[in-house]
Amino acid sequence: MTRGVNILGLANNATERTLLPLIDELNQTETIYPGTNPRLAHDIGGARPPFRLT
C-alpha cells in the first residue's frame, strides 16, 4: 500500500525541477508511515505525471 505526499504551490517550474532529485531520493528510501504499513510516495504537483497509488 502507498500513501501519497504531494508538494503543491512552488513558485515556478524551475523551482520544481530543482527539487525533483530530492523527491526521487525520498522515494528511493521507501519510507514506511510511522506506526502503519503504507509506504510514502512523494511528488510535486504539476512537475510530472502523478504517482500511481498501489
C-alpha atoms as a PDB file:
ATOM      1  CA  MET A   1       0.000   0.000   0.000  1.00  0.00           C
ATOM      2  CA  THR A   2       1.224   3.520  -0.798  1.00  0.00           C
ATOM      3  CA  ARG A   3       0.338   6.861   0.773  1.00  0.00           C
ATOM      4  CA  GLY A   4       0.879   9.906  -1.485  1.00  0.00           C
ATOM      5  CA  VAL A   5       2.662  13.048  -0.323  1.00  0.00           C
ATOM      6  CA  ASN A   6       2.198  15.833  -2.883  1.00  0.00           C
ATOM      7  CA  ILE A   7       4.087  19.145  -2.604  1.00  0.00           C
ATOM      8  CA  LEU A   8       1.995  21.971  -4.087  1.00  0.00           C
ATOM      9  CA  GLY A   9       2.348  25.681  -4.709  1.00  0.00           C
ATOM     10  CA  LEU A  10       6.005  26.083  -5.647  1.00  0.00           C
ATOM     11  CA  ALA A  11       6.993  29.431  -7.157  1.00  0.00           C
ATOM     12  CA  ASN A  12       7.765  28.246 -10.697  1.00  0.00           C
ATOM     13  CA  ASN A  13       8.765  25.280 -12.849  1.00  0.00           C
ATOM     14  CA  ALA A  14      12.481  25.913 -12.293  1.00  0.00           C
ATOM     15  CA  THR A  15      11.981  25.524  -8.538  1.00  0.00           C
ATOM     16  CA  GLU A  16      10.046  22.307  -9.076  1.00  0.00           C
ATOM     17  CA  ARG A  17      12.763  20.894 -11.353  1.00  0.00           C
ATOM     18  CA  THR A  18      15.379  21.730  -8.715  1.00  0.00           C
ATOM     19  CA  LEU A  19      13.509  19.643  -6.136  1.00  0.00           C
ATOM     20  CA  LEU A  20      12.943  16.599  -8.364  1.00  0.00           C
ATOM     21  CA  PRO A  21      16.254  14.896  -7.383  1.00  0.00           C
ATOM     22  CA  LEU A  22      15.332  15.288  -3.703  1.00  0.00           C
ATOM     23  CA  ILE A  23      11.856  13.857  -4.328  1.00  0.00           C
ATOM     24  CA  ASP A  24      13.393  10.900  -6.192  1.00  0.00           C
ATOM     25  CA  GLU A  25      15.807  10.281  -3.323  1.00  0.00           C
ATOM     26  CA  LEU A  26      12.980  10.403  -0.767  1.00  0.00           C
ATOM     27  CA  ASN A  27      11.053   7.824  -2.810  1.00  0.00           C
ATOM     28  CA  GLN A  28      14.102   5.546  -3.017  1.00  0.00           C
ATOM     29  CA  THR A  29      14.180   5.340   0.799  1.00  0.00           C
ATOM     30  CA  GLU A  30      10.772   3.590   0.676  1.00  0.00           C
ATOM     31  CA  THR A  31       9.839   5.200   3.996  1.00  0.00           C
ATOM     32  CA  ILE A  32       7.023   3.483   5.873  1.00  0.00           C
ATOM     33  CA  TYR A  33       4.457   5.760   7.508  1.00  0.00           C
ATOM     34  CA  PRO A  34       5.157   5.562  11.275  1.00  0.00           C
ATOM     35  CA  GLY A  35       3.016   3.026  13.110  1.00  0.00           C
ATOM     36  CA  THR A  36       1.408   1.666   9.921  1.00  0.00           C
ATOM     37  CA  ASN A  37       2.273  -0.288   6.760  1.00  0.00           C
ATOM     38  CA  PRO A  38       1.790   2.260   3.917  1.00  0.00           C
ATOM     39  CA  ARG A  39       4.931   3.411   2.117  1.00  0.00           C
ATOM     40  CA  LEU A  40       5.213   7.167   1.480  1.00  0.00           C
ATOM     41  CA  ALA A  41       5.387   8.247  -2.183  1.00  0.00           C
ATOM     42  CA  HIS A  42       6.457  11.877  -2.674  1.00  0.00           C
ATOM     43  CA  ASP A  43       5.693  14.026  -5.722  1.00  0.00           C
ATOM     44  CA  ILE A  44       5.486  17.651  -6.832  1.00  0.00           C
ATOM     45  CA  GLY A  45       2.144  18.805  -8.235  1.00  0.00           C
ATOM     46  CA  GLY A  46       2.392  19.764 -11.907  1.00  0.00           C
ATOM     47  CA  ALA A  47       6.059  18.820 -12.361  1.00  0.00           C
ATOM     48  CA  ARG A  48       5.439  15.368 -13.852  1.00  0.00           C
ATOM     49  CA  PRO A  49       2.668  12.814 -14.114  1.00  0.00           C
ATOM     50  CA  PRO A  50       1.212  11.956 -10.697  1.00  0.00           C
ATOM     51  CA  PHE A  51       2.385   8.852  -8.875  1.00  0.00           C
ATOM     52  CA  ARG A  52       0.259   5.745  -9.010  1.00  0.00           C
ATOM     53  CA  LEU A  53      -1.237   4.557  -5.737  1.00  0.00           C
ATOM     54  CA  THR A  54      -0.977   0.801  -5.259  1.00  0.00           C
END
